[in-house]
Amino acid sequence: MILWVLIGLCIVLPSIATLAEWFISTGLSERHHSRHDTYVIPSALTGALSLAMFFMGLLGLLLSWLCKVGVFHADITTMIGFFASFVTVMFVMWAALRHYRVATFDDHLEVTPFIGKKRIIRYADIERMSWAKPFGISPNRSILIQADGEVKAVLVGTFDLDQILLSINRNDVLDAE
């Protein structure tokens, strides 16, 4: 039973991500509208993650089949379990990246974080904006937005932060680099 669940994960999750990228993705990481601008994670990144999920799921199925027919002497459940775990983690990361977005309006900012619900931050309520140190392998720095004494949002460095800062127009609360 567990084997069929793992096989299903290797098939279903990459299929969902690939179909979503194919049919739902706009391909644009920046969209300018008359009332607001919207910024999302580039589709090249989310598409690459869905492609990695697809190939790792396929590789897991192939290697597990080779274990079943006796080419490799490994436990089939362990083999497919490793690849199903990889695909599941990649799917969660893909879904979080697809969820993240920033929209700038005339008087407020709407940030939908990686996990959680949308946060609306009025520009007048922003107390401090500070540059965050780059983390991981990305050289891009992010911006932390503080209001009401706490960090309300993080603007990731993959976006056009200069354009977002121009929309916010609160240089008085931006820390010097």
N, C-alpha and C. Protein backbone atom coordinates (compact mmCIF):
# COMPACT_ATOMS: atom_id res chain seq x y z
N MET A 1 0.82 -1.20 0.00
CA MET A 1 0.00 0.00 0.00
C MET A 1 0.86 1.26 0.00
N ILE A 2 1.88 1.29 0.89
CA ILE A 2 2.75 2.46 0.97
C ILE A 2 3.51 2.66 -0.34
N LEU A 3 3.83 1.58 -0.99
CA LEU A 3 4.54 1.66 -2.27
C LEU A 3 3.70 2.39 -3.30
N TRP A 4 2.41 2.11 -3.34
CA TRP A 4 1.53 2.75 -4.32
C TRP A 4 1.34 4.24 -4.00
N VAL A 5 1.34 4.58 -2.73
CA VAL A 5 1.25 5.99 -2.35
C VAL A 5 2.50 6.73 -2.83
N LEU A 6 3.67 6.14 -2.63
CA LEU A 6 4.92 6.77 -3.05
C LEU A 6 4.99 6.90 -4.57
N ILE A 7 4.54 5.88 -5.27
CA ILE A 7 4.50 5.94 -6.73
C ILE A 7 3.54 7.04 -7.17
N GLY A 8 2.40 7.12 -6.50
CA GLY A 8 1.43 8.17 -6.82
C GLY A 8 2.00 9.56 -6.62
N LEU A 9 2.77 9.76 -5.54
CA LEU A 9 3.40 11.05 -5.30
C LEU A 9 4.36 11.42 -6.42
N CYS A 10 5.12 10.43 -6.90
CA CYS A 10 6.09 10.68 -7.98
C CYS A 10 5.41 11.00 -9.30
N ILE A 11 4.15 10.63 -9.44
CA ILE A 11 3.43 10.89 -10.69
C ILE A 11 2.54 12.12 -10.56
N VAL A 12 1.77 12.20 -9.49
CA VAL A 12 0.74 13.24 -9.37
C VAL A 12 1.33 14.63 -9.12
N LEU A 13 2.25 14.76 -8.18
CA LEU A 13 2.77 16.09 -7.84
C LEU A 13 3.49 16.76 -9.01
N PRO A 14 4.40 16.07 -9.73
CA PRO A 14 5.00 16.73 -10.89
C PRO A 14 3.98 17.05 -11.98
N SER A 15 2.95 16.22 -12.10
CA SER A 15 1.91 16.48 -13.11
C SER A 15 1.14 17.75 -12.78
N ILE A 16 0.79 17.92 -11.51
CA ILE A 16 0.08 19.13 -11.08
C ILE A 16 0.92 20.37 -11.35
N ALA A 17 2.20 20.31 -10.96
CA ALA A 17 3.08 21.47 -11.14
C ALA A 17 3.29 21.78 -12.62
N THR A 18 3.50 20.75 -13.42
CA THR A 18 3.74 20.96 -14.85
C THR A 18 2.51 21.53 -15.53
N LEU A 19 1.35 20.98 -15.22
CA LEU A 19 0.11 21.50 -15.82
C LEU A 19 -0.17 22.94 -15.37
N ALA A 20 0.09 23.24 -14.11
CA ALA A 20 -0.10 24.61 -13.62
C ALA A 20 0.85 25.58 -14.33
N GLU A 21 2.09 25.18 -14.50
CA GLU A 21 3.04 26.03 -15.21
C GLU A 21 2.63 26.21 -16.67
N TRP A 22 2.11 25.17 -17.26
CA TRP A 22 1.76 25.21 -18.67
C TRP A 22 0.53 26.08 -18.92
N PHE A 23 -0.49 25.93 -18.07
CA PHE A 23 -1.77 26.59 -18.34
C PHE A 23 -2.01 27.86 -17.53
N ILE A 24 -1.47 27.95 -16.34
CA ILE A 24 -1.78 29.08 -15.46
C ILE A 24 -0.71 30.17 -15.53
N SER A 25 0.53 29.80 -15.73
CA SER A 25 1.63 30.75 -15.66
C SER A 25 1.51 31.83 -16.74
N THR A 26 1.74 33.09 -16.33
CA THR A 26 1.68 34.21 -17.28
C THR A 26 3.02 34.44 -17.96
N GLY A 27 4.08 33.97 -17.37
CA GLY A 27 5.39 34.18 -17.97
C GLY A 27 6.02 35.51 -17.60
N LEU A 28 5.26 36.41 -17.02
CA LEU A 28 5.78 37.73 -16.66
C LEU A 28 5.95 37.81 -15.15
N SER A 29 7.11 38.30 -14.72
CA SER A 29 7.33 38.45 -13.29
C SER A 29 6.88 39.82 -12.81
N GLU A 30 6.65 40.74 -13.74
CA GLU A 30 6.20 42.08 -13.41
C GLU A 30 5.03 42.44 -14.31
N ARG A 31 3.92 42.86 -13.71
CA ARG A 31 2.78 43.29 -14.52
C ARG A 31 2.37 44.68 -14.04
N HIS A 32 2.31 45.61 -14.98
CA HIS A 32 1.93 46.98 -14.66
C HIS A 32 0.50 47.21 -15.12
N HIS A 33 -0.35 47.61 -14.18
CA HIS A 33 -1.75 47.91 -14.45
C HIS A 33 -1.97 49.40 -14.23
N SER A 34 -3.13 49.87 -14.58
CA SER A 34 -3.39 51.30 -14.42
C SER A 34 -3.45 51.70 -12.95
N ARG A 35 -3.95 50.83 -12.07
CA ARG A 35 -4.09 51.16 -10.65
C ARG A 35 -2.96 50.61 -9.79
N HIS A 36 -2.27 49.56 -10.24
CA HIS A 36 -1.24 48.95 -9.40
C HIS A 36 -0.24 48.18 -10.25
N ASP A 37 0.86 47.81 -9.60
CA ASP A 37 1.88 46.95 -10.20
C ASP A 37 1.95 45.67 -9.39
N THR A 38 2.11 44.53 -10.07
CA THR A 38 2.19 43.25 -9.39
C THR A 38 3.52 42.59 -9.72
N TYR A 39 4.16 42.04 -8.70
CA TYR A 39 5.43 41.36 -8.86
C TYR A 39 5.29 39.93 -8.35
N VAL A 40 5.73 38.97 -9.13
CA VAL A 40 5.71 37.56 -8.73
C VAL A 40 7.07 36.95 -9.01
N ILE A 41 7.31 35.76 -8.46
CA ILE A 41 8.56 35.04 -8.72
C ILE A 41 8.59 34.70 -10.22
N PRO A 42 9.72 34.87 -10.88
CA PRO A 42 9.80 34.60 -12.32
C PRO A 42 9.39 33.17 -12.67
N SER A 43 8.66 33.04 -13.76
CA SER A 43 8.18 31.72 -14.17
C SER A 43 9.32 30.81 -14.62
N ALA A 44 10.47 31.39 -14.96
CA ALA A 44 11.62 30.56 -15.31
C ALA A 44 12.06 29.72 -14.10
N LEU A 45 11.99 30.30 -12.91
CA LEU A 45 12.36 29.57 -11.70
C LEU A 45 11.32 28.52 -11.35
N THR A 46 10.05 28.90 -11.32
CA THR A 46 9.02 27.92 -10.97
C THR A 46 8.91 26.83 -12.02
N GLY A 47 9.13 27.19 -13.28
CA GLY A 47 9.12 26.18 -14.34
C GLY A 47 10.28 25.21 -14.20
N ALA A 48 11.44 25.72 -13.80
CA ALA A 48 12.60 24.84 -13.60
C ALA A 48 12.35 23.87 -12.45
N LEU A 49 11.69 24.35 -11.40
CA LEU A 49 11.36 23.47 -10.28
C LEU A 49 10.39 22.37 -10.70
N SER A 50 9.39 22.73 -11.50
CA SER A 50 8.44 21.71 -11.95
C SER A 50 9.11 20.71 -12.88
N LEU A 51 10.05 21.18 -13.69
CA LEU A 51 10.79 20.28 -14.57
C LEU A 51 11.69 19.33 -13.76
N ALA A 52 12.32 19.86 -12.71
CA ALA A 52 13.14 19.02 -11.85
C ALA A 52 12.29 17.96 -11.15
N MET A 53 11.11 18.36 -10.70
CA MET A 53 10.19 17.39 -10.08
C MET A 53 9.82 16.29 -11.06
N PHE A 54 9.52 16.68 -12.29
CA PHE A 54 9.12 15.72 -13.31
C PHE A 54 10.22 14.69 -13.58
N PHE A 55 11.44 15.18 -13.78
CA PHE A 55 12.54 14.26 -14.10
C PHE A 55 12.94 13.41 -12.90
N MET A 56 12.91 13.96 -11.71
CA MET A 56 13.25 13.16 -10.53
C MET A 56 12.18 12.11 -10.25
N GLY A 57 10.91 12.45 -10.47
CA GLY A 57 9.84 11.46 -10.33
C GLY A 57 9.99 10.34 -11.34
N LEU A 58 10.31 10.72 -12.57
CA LEU A 58 10.52 9.72 -13.63
C LEU A 58 11.73 8.84 -13.33
N LEU A 59 12.81 9.46 -12.87
CA LEU A 59 14.01 8.70 -12.51
C LEU A 59 13.73 7.75 -11.35
N GLY A 60 12.95 8.22 -10.37
CA GLY A 60 12.59 7.36 -9.25
C GLY A 60 11.79 6.15 -9.69
N LEU A 61 10.84 6.36 -10.59
CA LEU A 61 10.04 5.25 -11.10
C LEU A 61 10.91 4.26 -11.88
N LEU A 62 11.82 4.79 -12.70
CA LEU A 62 12.70 3.92 -13.49
C LEU A 62 13.63 3.10 -12.60
N LEU A 63 14.28 3.74 -11.64
CA LEU A 63 15.20 3.01 -10.76
C LEU A 63 14.47 2.02 -9.87
N SER A 64 13.27 2.37 -9.44
CA SER A 64 12.48 1.44 -8.64
C SER A 64 12.08 0.22 -9.46
N TRP A 65 11.74 0.44 -10.71
CA TRP A 65 11.40 -0.68 -11.60
C TRP A 65 12.63 -1.57 -11.80
N LEU A 66 13.81 -0.93 -11.97
CA LEU A 66 15.04 -1.71 -12.13
C LEU A 66 15.35 -2.53 -10.87
N CYS A 67 15.01 -2.00 -9.70
CA CYS A 67 15.16 -2.78 -8.46
C CYS A 67 14.19 -3.95 -8.45
N LYS A 68 13.00 -3.74 -8.92
CA LYS A 68 11.98 -4.80 -8.91
C LYS A 68 12.36 -5.95 -9.84
N VAL A 69 12.96 -5.64 -11.00
CA VAL A 69 13.32 -6.70 -11.95
C VAL A 69 14.68 -7.31 -11.64
N GLY A 70 15.37 -6.81 -10.60
CA GLY A 70 16.60 -7.45 -10.15
C GLY A 70 17.89 -6.87 -10.69
N VAL A 71 17.85 -5.76 -11.40
CA VAL A 71 19.08 -5.14 -11.91
C VAL A 71 19.88 -4.56 -10.74
N PHE A 72 19.21 -3.90 -9.82
CA PHE A 72 19.84 -3.38 -8.63
C PHE A 72 19.33 -4.16 -7.42
N HIS A 73 20.17 -4.31 -6.45
CA HIS A 73 19.80 -5.06 -5.24
C HIS A 73 19.55 -4.07 -4.11
N ALA A 74 18.50 -3.30 -4.26
CA ALA A 74 18.09 -2.34 -3.23
C ALA A 74 16.60 -2.53 -2.97
N ASP A 75 16.18 -2.09 -1.83
CA ASP A 75 14.77 -2.18 -1.47
C ASP A 75 13.98 -1.19 -2.31
N ILE A 76 12.96 -1.66 -2.99
CA ILE A 76 12.17 -0.81 -3.88
C ILE A 76 11.46 0.30 -3.13
N THR A 77 10.99 0.01 -1.91
CA THR A 77 10.29 1.03 -1.12
C THR A 77 11.25 2.14 -0.70
N THR A 78 12.45 1.77 -0.34
CA THR A 78 13.46 2.78 0.01
C THR A 78 13.81 3.64 -1.19
N MET A 79 13.96 3.00 -2.34
CA MET A 79 14.32 3.72 -3.56
C MET A 79 13.24 4.73 -3.94
N ILE A 80 12.01 4.27 -4.05
CA ILE A 80 10.93 5.17 -4.46
C ILE A 80 10.62 6.17 -3.35
N GLY A 81 10.86 5.79 -2.09
CA GLY A 81 10.66 6.70 -0.97
C GLY A 81 11.58 7.91 -1.03
N PHE A 82 12.83 7.67 -1.41
CA PHE A 82 13.77 8.78 -1.56
C PHE A 82 13.29 9.76 -2.61
N PHE A 83 12.91 9.26 -3.77
CA PHE A 83 12.49 10.13 -4.86
C PHE A 83 11.14 10.79 -4.56
N ALA A 84 10.24 10.07 -3.90
CA ALA A 84 8.96 10.68 -3.52
C ALA A 84 9.18 11.80 -2.51
N SER A 85 10.13 11.63 -1.61
CA SER A 85 10.46 12.69 -0.64
C SER A 85 11.00 13.91 -1.35
N PHE A 86 11.89 13.69 -2.30
CA PHE A 86 12.45 14.80 -3.06
C PHE A 86 11.35 15.54 -3.81
N VAL A 87 10.50 14.81 -4.49
CA VAL A 87 9.42 15.41 -5.26
C VAL A 87 8.47 16.18 -4.34
N THR A 88 8.17 15.65 -3.18
CA THR A 88 7.26 16.31 -2.24
C THR A 88 7.86 17.62 -1.73
N VAL A 89 9.14 17.61 -1.37
CA VAL A 89 9.80 18.82 -0.89
C VAL A 89 9.84 19.86 -2.01
N MET A 90 10.17 19.44 -3.21
CA MET A 90 10.20 20.37 -4.35
C MET A 90 8.82 20.94 -4.64
N PHE A 91 7.78 20.12 -4.47
CA PHE A 91 6.42 20.58 -4.71
C PHE A 91 6.02 21.65 -3.69
N VAL A 92 6.37 21.44 -2.43
CA VAL A 92 6.06 22.43 -1.40
C VAL A 92 6.81 23.73 -1.69
N MET A 93 8.07 23.63 -2.09
CA MET A 93 8.85 24.82 -2.42
C MET A 93 8.25 25.52 -3.63
N TRP A 94 7.87 24.75 -4.65
CA TRP A 94 7.24 25.32 -5.85
C TRP A 94 5.94 26.03 -5.49
N ALA A 95 5.11 25.41 -4.67
CA ALA A 95 3.83 26.00 -4.29
C ALA A 95 4.04 27.29 -3.49
N ALA A 96 5.02 27.31 -2.60
CA ALA A 96 5.31 28.51 -1.82
C ALA A 96 5.79 29.64 -2.72
N LEU A 97 6.65 29.34 -3.66
CA LEU A 97 7.14 30.37 -4.58
C LEU A 97 6.02 30.89 -5.47
N ARG A 98 5.13 30.01 -5.90
CA ARG A 98 3.99 30.44 -6.73
C ARG A 98 3.02 31.31 -5.92
N HIS A 99 2.97 31.12 -4.61
CA HIS A 99 2.04 31.85 -3.75
C HIS A 99 2.51 33.28 -3.48
N TYR A 100 3.83 33.49 -3.48
CA TYR A 100 4.41 34.78 -3.09
C TYR A 100 4.15 35.84 -4.17
N ARG A 101 3.67 36.98 -3.75
CA ARG A 101 3.48 38.11 -4.68
C ARG A 101 3.44 39.42 -3.92
N VAL A 102 3.80 40.48 -4.62
CA VAL A 102 3.77 41.83 -4.07
C VAL A 102 3.01 42.70 -5.05
N ALA A 103 2.07 43.49 -4.54
CA ALA A 103 1.33 44.44 -5.37
C ALA A 103 1.45 45.81 -4.73
N THR A 104 1.85 46.79 -5.52
CA THR A 104 1.97 48.16 -5.03
C THR A 104 0.82 48.99 -5.58
N PHE A 105 0.15 49.72 -4.70
CA PHE A 105 -0.95 50.61 -5.06
C PHE A 105 -0.53 52.04 -4.74
N ASP A 106 -1.44 52.98 -4.91
CA ASP A 106 -1.12 54.38 -4.63
C ASP A 106 -0.80 54.64 -3.17
N ASP A 107 -1.55 54.00 -2.25
CA ASP A 107 -1.39 54.31 -0.84
C ASP A 107 -1.04 53.12 0.04
N HIS A 108 -0.97 51.93 -0.56
CA HIS A 108 -0.64 50.75 0.25
C HIS A 108 0.06 49.68 -0.58
N LEU A 109 0.54 48.70 0.13
CA LEU A 109 1.29 47.58 -0.42
C LEU A 109 0.59 46.30 0.02
N GLU A 110 0.42 45.36 -0.89
CA GLU A 110 -0.15 44.06 -0.54
C GLU A 110 0.91 42.99 -0.78
N VAL A 111 1.26 42.28 0.27
CA VAL A 111 2.28 41.24 0.18
C VAL A 111 1.64 39.91 0.56
N THR A 112 1.70 38.96 -0.34
CA THR A 112 1.26 37.60 -0.04
C THR A 112 2.52 36.79 0.20
N PRO A 113 2.80 36.41 1.47
CA PRO A 113 4.06 35.73 1.78
C PRO A 113 4.08 34.30 1.24
N PHE A 114 5.23 33.66 1.36
CA PHE A 114 5.39 32.29 0.89
C PHE A 114 4.35 31.37 1.51
N ILE A 115 4.12 31.54 2.80
CA ILE A 115 3.12 30.75 3.51
C ILE A 115 2.30 31.73 4.33
N GLY A 116 1.00 31.67 4.18
CA GLY A 116 0.13 32.55 4.95
C GLY A 116 -0.76 33.40 4.07
N LYS A 117 -1.50 34.28 4.74
CA LYS A 117 -2.46 35.10 4.03
C LYS A 117 -1.88 36.46 3.66
N LYS A 118 -2.56 37.13 2.77
CA LYS A 118 -2.13 38.43 2.27
C LYS A 118 -2.09 39.46 3.39
N ARG A 119 -1.07 40.30 3.35
CA ARG A 119 -0.91 41.38 4.32
C ARG A 119 -0.99 42.71 3.59
N ILE A 120 -1.79 43.60 4.12
CA ILE A 120 -1.93 44.93 3.54
C ILE A 120 -1.22 45.92 4.45
N ILE A 121 -0.28 46.67 3.88
CA ILE A 121 0.52 47.61 4.65
C ILE A 121 0.36 48.99 4.01
N ARG A 122 -0.19 49.91 4.78
CA ARG A 122 -0.31 51.28 4.28
C ARG A 122 1.07 51.93 4.34
N TYR A 123 1.40 52.69 3.30
CA TYR A 123 2.71 53.34 3.25
C TYR A 123 2.90 54.27 4.44
N ALA A 124 1.85 54.93 4.88
CA ALA A 124 1.95 55.86 6.01
C ALA A 124 2.26 55.13 7.32
N ASP A 125 1.93 53.84 7.41
CA ASP A 125 2.16 53.07 8.64
C ASP A 125 3.57 52.47 8.73
N ILE A 126 4.33 52.54 7.66
CA ILE A 126 5.67 51.94 7.66
C ILE A 126 6.58 52.75 8.57
N GLU A 127 7.18 52.08 9.55
CA GLU A 127 8.08 52.72 10.51
C GLU A 127 9.54 52.62 10.08
N ARG A 128 9.87 51.48 9.44
CA ARG A 128 11.27 51.26 9.06
C ARG A 128 11.34 50.25 7.93
N MET A 129 12.26 50.49 7.01
CA MET A 129 12.58 49.52 5.97
C MET A 129 14.09 49.31 6.03
N SER A 130 14.50 48.05 6.17
CA SER A 130 15.93 47.77 6.30
C SER A 130 16.34 46.69 5.31
N TRP A 131 17.58 46.78 4.89
CA TRP A 131 18.13 45.80 3.96
C TRP A 131 18.52 44.55 4.74
N ALA A 132 18.09 43.41 4.27
CA ALA A 132 18.46 42.14 4.90
C ALA A 132 19.68 41.60 4.19
N LYS A 133 20.52 40.94 4.94
CA LYS A 133 21.71 40.33 4.34
C LYS A 133 21.28 39.19 3.43
N PRO A 134 22.01 39.00 2.33
CA PRO A 134 21.65 37.88 1.45
C PRO A 134 21.84 36.55 2.17
N PHE A 135 20.94 35.61 1.89
CA PHE A 135 21.06 34.29 2.51
C PHE A 135 21.15 33.25 1.40
N GLY A 136 21.77 32.15 1.75
CA GLY A 136 21.92 31.08 0.75
C GLY A 136 22.93 31.46 -0.31
N ILE A 137 22.69 31.00 -1.51
CA ILE A 137 23.62 31.24 -2.61
C ILE A 137 23.25 32.47 -3.43
N SER A 138 22.09 33.05 -3.16
CA SER A 138 21.64 34.22 -3.90
C SER A 138 22.37 35.47 -3.41
N PRO A 139 22.93 36.26 -4.33
CA PRO A 139 23.61 37.48 -3.92
C PRO A 139 22.64 38.64 -3.68
N ASN A 140 21.37 38.46 -3.98
CA ASN A 140 20.40 39.53 -3.87
C ASN A 140 19.96 39.74 -2.42
N ARG A 141 19.91 41.00 -2.02
CA ARG A 141 19.45 41.33 -0.67
C ARG A 141 17.96 41.61 -0.72
N SER A 142 17.31 41.38 0.39
CA SER A 142 15.88 41.62 0.51
C SER A 142 15.65 42.83 1.40
N ILE A 143 14.40 43.27 1.45
CA ILE A 143 14.03 44.41 2.28
C ILE A 143 13.01 43.95 3.31
N LEU A 144 13.27 44.28 4.57
CA LEU A 144 12.34 44.00 5.66
C LEU A 144 11.51 45.26 5.89
N ILE A 145 10.19 45.12 5.91
CA ILE A 145 9.30 46.25 6.16
C ILE A 145 8.70 46.10 7.55
N GLN A 146 8.91 47.12 8.38
CA GLN A 146 8.42 47.09 9.76
C GLN A 146 7.31 48.12 9.95
N ALA A 147 6.27 47.68 10.61
CA ALA A 147 5.16 48.55 11.00
C ALA A 147 4.61 48.02 12.32
N ASP A 148 4.13 48.90 13.15
CA ASP A 148 3.60 48.52 14.47
C ASP A 148 4.62 47.75 15.30
N GLY A 149 5.90 48.08 15.13
CA GLY A 149 6.95 47.47 15.94
C GLY A 149 7.36 46.06 15.54
N GLU A 150 6.86 45.54 14.45
CA GLU A 150 7.23 44.19 14.02
C GLU A 150 7.42 44.14 12.50
N VAL A 151 8.14 43.13 12.06
CA VAL A 151 8.35 42.95 10.63
C VAL A 151 7.04 42.45 10.02
N LYS A 152 6.49 43.23 9.12
CA LYS A 152 5.20 42.89 8.50
C LYS A 152 5.38 42.15 7.18
N ALA A 153 6.50 42.41 6.49
CA ALA A 153 6.70 41.78 5.19
C ALA A 153 8.18 41.76 4.83
N VAL A 154 8.51 40.83 3.95
CA VAL A 154 9.85 40.74 3.38
C VAL A 154 9.70 40.82 1.87
N LEU A 155 10.38 41.77 1.27
CA LEU A 155 10.40 41.88 -0.19
C LEU A 155 11.67 41.19 -0.68
N VAL A 156 11.51 40.07 -1.36
CA VAL A 156 12.67 39.28 -1.75
C VAL A 156 13.47 40.00 -2.83
N GLY A 157 14.76 39.73 -2.83
CA GLY A 157 15.67 40.41 -3.72
C GLY A 157 15.57 40.04 -5.18
N THR A 158 14.77 39.05 -5.53
CA THR A 158 14.63 38.70 -6.94
C THR A 158 13.72 39.67 -7.68
N PHE A 159 12.98 40.48 -6.93
CA PHE A 159 12.10 41.47 -7.55
C PHE A 159 12.87 42.73 -7.89
N ASP A 160 12.24 43.60 -8.67
CA ASP A 160 12.80 44.90 -8.98
C ASP A 160 12.55 45.82 -7.79
N LEU A 161 13.40 45.72 -6.79
CA LEU A 161 13.19 46.45 -5.54
C LEU A 161 13.25 47.95 -5.73
N ASP A 162 14.04 48.42 -6.69
CA ASP A 162 14.10 49.86 -6.94
C ASP A 162 12.74 50.39 -7.37
N GLN A 163 12.07 49.65 -8.23
CA GLN A 163 10.74 50.06 -8.69
C GLN A 163 9.72 50.02 -7.55
N ILE A 164 9.81 49.01 -6.71
CA ILE A 164 8.90 48.91 -5.56
C ILE A 164 9.16 50.06 -4.59
N LEU A 165 10.43 50.37 -4.34
CA LEU A 165 10.76 51.48 -3.43
C LEU A 165 10.28 52.81 -3.99
N LEU A 166 10.32 52.98 -5.31
CA LEU A 166 9.78 54.20 -5.91
C LEU A 166 8.28 54.30 -5.68
N SER A 167 7.58 53.18 -5.72
CA SER A 167 6.14 53.19 -5.48
C SER A 167 5.83 53.51 -4.02
N ILE A 168 6.62 52.95 -3.10
CA ILE A 168 6.39 53.20 -1.68
C ILE A 168 6.71 54.65 -1.34
N ASN A 169 7.81 55.17 -1.90
CA ASN A 169 8.21 56.56 -1.75
C ASN A 169 8.32 56.97 -0.28
N ARG A 170 9.01 56.15 0.50
CA ARG A 170 9.24 56.45 1.91
C ARG A 170 10.73 56.36 2.20
N ASN A 171 11.51 57.17 1.54
CA ASN A 171 12.96 57.16 1.75
C ASN A 171 13.35 57.59 3.15
N ASP A 172 12.44 58.25 3.86
CA ASP A 172 12.74 58.69 5.23
C ASP A 172 12.86 57.52 6.21
N VAL A 173 12.27 56.38 5.89
CA VAL A 173 12.34 55.23 6.80
C VAL A 173 13.26 54.13 6.27
N LEU A 174 13.88 54.33 5.12
CA LEU A 174 14.79 53.34 4.54
C LEU A 174 16.17 53.50 5.12
N ASP A 175 16.69 52.41 5.69
CA ASP A 175 18.04 52.43 6.23
C ASP A 175 19.04 52.60 5.11
N ALA A 176 20.13 53.27 5.40
CA ALA A 176 21.21 53.43 4.43
C ALA A 176 21.86 52.07 4.19
N GLU A 177 22.37 51.89 3.00
CA GLU A 177 22.99 50.60 2.66
C GLU A 177 24.26 50.43 3.40
